[in-house]
Amino acid sequence: MYLSKLYAAAIIAVVLAIMADVSIDITGTLSSPVNLEKIGLPKYYIPSVTEFVKSCREKIRPWKEFFNTSNYKAPPNFSRLIKRAVNNINHFQGNYVIVSLILMAYCLLTSPLLLISIFVSLIACYILSLRNAEKKLKIGGKDISLKQQYSLVGLFSLPLYYWAGVGQAVFWVLGATCFVVSLHAGMYSIEDVLTEEEQLMVQI
């Protein structure tokens, strides 16, 4: 079973690499995209990965403050617990992102098959990037961008990730992250660090 999964991963990588040299002719018409501004639907801003990383780095608090054991105290009541959790998440959000990334890395290192699956997908993306530099993939006479080709890699990789147990890994990371963040946010006495003016107003 293990060898068959690796064999399937290799086939996917080869197929995606070959696709970059194939020009597919598809005739037909496509409808124009819907203009959201004309129909009055709101547009939402989604930050790029670079902006997200930069924002998280700016919001990382000193780890000495994060792990200061003298500030770990049980909340006196439920309302204080909620207020403390909200303020901790707002104050330590950069640190919580780092903690979740560490848990994710641990999950990958303890799941060799999932790690190999991701590695195969990255290799396929790398091959496509090399092929795209030489000759662009065309479908219906239109160039397919590299991002769209990467999307195809992700689509073809879904069965491989399923076999590798990505669902269990995702639930484990989410569960572990929620547990660690909830424990720290509920037990860390942020009121000893921030003044009343610096804390968020939380009404229960």
Protein backbone atom coordinates (compact mmCIF):
# COMPACT_ATOMS: atom_id res chain seq x y z
CA MET A 1 0.00 0.00 0.00
CA TYR A 2 2.83 2.39 0.88
CA LEU A 3 4.60 1.74 -2.44
CA SER A 4 1.37 2.16 -4.38
CA LYS A 5 0.84 5.61 -2.86
CA LEU A 6 4.37 6.67 -3.77
CA TYR A 7 3.82 5.29 -7.28
CA ALA A 8 0.62 7.32 -7.62
CA ALA A 9 2.44 10.43 -6.44
CA ALA A 10 5.16 9.91 -9.04
CA ILE A 11 2.56 9.48 -11.79
CA ILE A 12 0.86 12.75 -10.83
CA ALA A 13 4.17 14.61 -10.94
CA VAL A 14 5.03 13.20 -14.37
CA VAL A 15 1.58 13.92 -15.82
CA LEU A 16 1.63 17.51 -14.64
CA ALA A 17 5.12 17.99 -16.04
CA ILE A 18 4.08 16.63 -19.43
CA MET A 19 1.00 18.84 -19.53
CA ALA A 20 3.19 21.91 -19.78
CA ASP A 21 4.27 20.82 -23.28
CA VAL A 22 0.75 20.11 -24.51
CA SER A 23 -1.42 22.64 -26.31
CA ILE A 24 -5.13 21.81 -25.99
CA ASP A 25 -7.58 23.34 -28.43
CA ILE A 26 -11.01 23.90 -26.95
CA THR A 27 -13.53 25.86 -29.00
CA GLY A 28 -16.47 27.67 -27.55
CA THR A 29 -17.49 30.91 -25.91
CA LEU A 30 -17.20 31.98 -22.33
CA SER A 31 -19.53 34.42 -20.66
CA SER A 32 -18.02 37.64 -19.40
CA PRO A 33 -17.36 37.83 -15.66
CA VAL A 34 -19.96 39.48 -13.47
CA ASN A 35 -19.09 43.02 -12.44
CA LEU A 36 -19.64 43.18 -8.68
CA GLU A 37 -19.67 46.97 -8.68
CA LYS A 38 -22.65 47.12 -11.05
CA ILE A 39 -24.82 44.80 -8.97
CA GLY A 40 -23.85 46.50 -5.73
CA LEU A 41 -22.10 43.61 -4.01
CA PRO A 42 -19.38 44.62 -1.53
CA LYS A 43 -15.75 43.88 -2.29
CA TYR A 44 -13.52 42.54 0.46
CA TYR A 45 -9.80 43.08 0.75
CA ILE A 46 -7.77 39.90 1.17
CA PRO A 47 -4.17 40.57 2.23
CA SER A 48 -1.35 38.83 0.41
CA VAL A 49 0.88 36.27 2.08
CA THR A 50 3.68 38.83 2.33
CA GLU A 51 1.43 41.37 4.04
CA PHE A 52 0.09 38.71 6.41
CA VAL A 53 3.60 37.60 7.40
CA LYS A 54 4.70 41.21 7.87
CA SER A 55 1.66 41.95 10.03
CA CYS A 56 2.29 38.88 12.19
CA ARG A 57 5.96 39.74 12.64
CA GLU A 58 5.06 43.24 13.79
CA LYS A 59 2.60 41.87 16.35
CA ILE A 60 4.91 39.29 17.93
CA ARG A 61 5.45 40.13 21.59
CA PRO A 62 8.64 39.23 23.47
CA TRP A 63 8.63 35.52 24.29
CA LYS A 64 9.84 36.31 27.80
CA GLU A 65 6.60 38.19 28.32
CA PHE A 66 4.59 35.42 26.64
CA PHE A 67 6.01 32.69 28.92
CA ASN A 68 6.18 34.76 32.12
CA THR A 69 4.89 32.23 34.65
CA SER A 70 4.23 34.90 37.29
CA ASN A 71 1.34 36.16 35.14
CA TYR A 72 -0.44 32.80 34.99
CA LYS A 73 -3.43 33.06 37.29
CA ALA A 74 -6.86 31.47 37.26
CA PRO A 75 -9.64 33.92 36.35
CA PRO A 76 -11.96 34.73 39.28
CA ASN A 77 -15.15 34.43 37.22
CA PHE A 78 -16.49 33.68 33.75
CA SER A 79 -16.77 37.31 32.64
CA ARG A 80 -13.13 37.92 33.57
CA LEU A 81 -12.18 34.77 31.63
CA ILE A 82 -13.87 36.04 28.45
CA LYS A 83 -12.39 39.52 28.79
CA ARG A 84 -8.94 38.09 29.45
CA ALA A 85 -9.14 35.73 26.46
CA VAL A 86 -10.19 38.50 24.06
CA ASN A 87 -7.40 40.83 25.21
CA ASN A 88 -4.78 38.07 25.13
CA ILE A 89 -5.71 37.07 21.59
CA ASN A 90 -5.51 40.70 20.51
CA HIS A 91 -2.20 41.27 22.33
CA PHE A 92 -0.43 37.98 21.51
CA GLN A 93 -1.93 37.19 18.10
CA GLY A 94 1.50 37.12 16.44
CA ASN A 95 2.79 34.67 19.05
CA TYR A 96 -0.27 32.46 18.63
CA VAL A 97 0.37 32.28 14.88
CA ILE A 98 3.95 31.13 15.56
CA VAL A 99 2.67 28.51 18.00
CA SER A 100 0.22 27.17 15.40
CA LEU A 101 3.02 27.00 12.79
CA ILE A 102 5.21 25.04 15.22
CA LEU A 103 2.37 22.58 15.84
CA MET A 104 1.84 22.28 12.09
CA ALA A 105 5.54 21.56 11.53
CA TYR A 106 5.47 18.93 14.28
CA CYS A 107 2.46 17.28 12.66
CA LEU A 108 4.23 17.12 9.29
CA LEU A 109 7.43 15.71 10.79
CA THR A 110 5.46 12.97 12.54
CA SER A 111 3.48 12.14 9.35
CA PRO A 112 6.06 10.94 6.78
CA LEU A 113 3.50 10.04 4.12
CA LEU A 114 1.89 13.48 4.28
CA LEU A 115 5.32 15.11 4.17
CA ILE A 116 6.21 13.08 1.06
CA SER A 117 2.89 14.05 -0.56
CA ILE A 118 3.58 17.75 -0.04
CA PHE A 119 7.13 17.27 -1.31
CA VAL A 120 5.83 15.62 -4.50
CA SER A 121 3.41 18.52 -5.07
CA LEU A 122 6.22 21.03 -4.62
CA ILE A 123 8.39 19.09 -7.09
CA ALA A 124 5.53 19.14 -9.61
CA CYS A 125 5.16 22.91 -9.15
CA TYR A 126 8.89 23.36 -9.63
CA ILE A 127 8.84 21.32 -12.86
CA LEU A 128 5.91 23.36 -14.13
CA SER A 129 7.74 26.60 -13.39
CA LEU A 130 10.72 25.38 -15.44
CA ARG A 131 8.48 24.26 -18.30
CA ASN A 132 6.54 27.53 -18.19
CA ALA A 133 9.76 29.50 -18.67
CA GLU A 134 10.42 27.58 -21.90
CA LYS A 135 6.91 27.20 -23.30
CA LYS A 136 3.57 28.37 -21.93
CA LEU A 137 0.64 25.99 -21.65
CA LYS A 138 -2.27 26.95 -23.92
CA ILE A 139 -5.91 25.86 -23.75
CA GLY A 140 -8.28 27.09 -26.42
CA GLY A 141 -5.60 29.40 -27.76
CA LYS A 142 -5.26 31.16 -24.41
CA ASP A 143 -2.20 31.07 -22.20
CA ILE A 144 -2.67 29.36 -18.84
CA SER A 145 -0.89 31.30 -16.13
CA LEU A 146 1.51 29.65 -13.74
CA LYS A 147 -0.89 30.24 -10.84
CA GLN A 148 -3.60 28.36 -12.72
CA GLN A 149 -1.18 25.50 -13.34
CA TYR A 150 -0.38 25.44 -9.63
CA SER A 151 -4.12 25.21 -8.98
CA LEU A 152 -4.21 22.11 -11.21
CA VAL A 153 -1.39 20.63 -9.15
CA GLY A 154 -3.43 21.19 -6.01
CA LEU A 155 -6.50 19.65 -7.64
CA PHE A 156 -4.65 16.52 -8.76
CA SER A 157 -2.97 16.28 -5.35
CA LEU A 158 -6.24 16.11 -3.40
CA PRO A 159 -6.59 12.30 -3.69
CA LEU A 160 -2.97 11.91 -2.65
CA TYR A 161 -3.48 14.12 0.39
CA TYR A 162 -6.60 12.15 1.27
CA TRP A 163 -4.66 8.87 1.19
CA ALA A 164 -1.94 10.47 3.30
CA GLY A 165 -4.45 11.36 6.01
CA VAL A 166 -4.50 15.13 5.60
CA GLY A 167 -7.93 15.30 7.24
CA GLN A 168 -6.66 13.81 10.47
CA ALA A 169 -3.63 16.10 10.39
CA VAL A 170 -5.78 19.21 9.91
CA PHE A 171 -8.10 18.28 12.76
CA TRP A 172 -5.12 17.52 15.01
CA VAL A 173 -3.47 20.87 14.26
CA LEU A 174 -6.74 22.76 14.78
CA GLY A 175 -7.49 20.91 18.00
CA ALA A 176 -3.98 21.33 19.41
CA THR A 177 -3.88 25.01 18.43
CA CYS A 178 -7.27 25.73 19.99
CA PHE A 179 -6.26 23.91 23.18
CA VAL A 180 -2.91 25.70 23.57
CA VAL A 181 -4.26 29.14 22.65
CA SER A 182 -7.35 28.76 24.85
CA LEU A 183 -5.25 27.59 27.80
CA HIS A 184 -2.79 30.47 27.49
CA ALA A 185 -5.43 33.11 26.72
CA GLY A 186 -7.57 32.03 29.65
CA MET A 187 -4.81 31.67 32.23
CA TYR A 188 -2.49 34.56 31.34
CA SER A 189 -3.34 37.61 33.45
CA ILE A 190 -3.14 40.29 30.77
CA GLU A 191 -4.57 42.85 33.20
CA ASP A 192 -1.20 42.77 34.98
CA VAL A 193 0.51 43.78 31.72
CA LEU A 194 -1.92 46.23 30.13
CA THR A 195 -3.67 49.16 31.73
CA GLU A 196 -7.43 49.59 31.62
CA GLU A 197 -7.07 52.11 28.79
CA GLU A 198 -5.00 49.66 26.71
CA GLN A 199 -7.43 46.77 27.12
CA LEU A 200 -10.35 46.14 24.79
CA MET A 201 -13.82 46.84 26.10
CA VAL A 202 -15.66 43.51 26.41
CA GLN A 203 -19.25 43.47 27.60
CA ILE A 204 -20.70 40.17 28.79
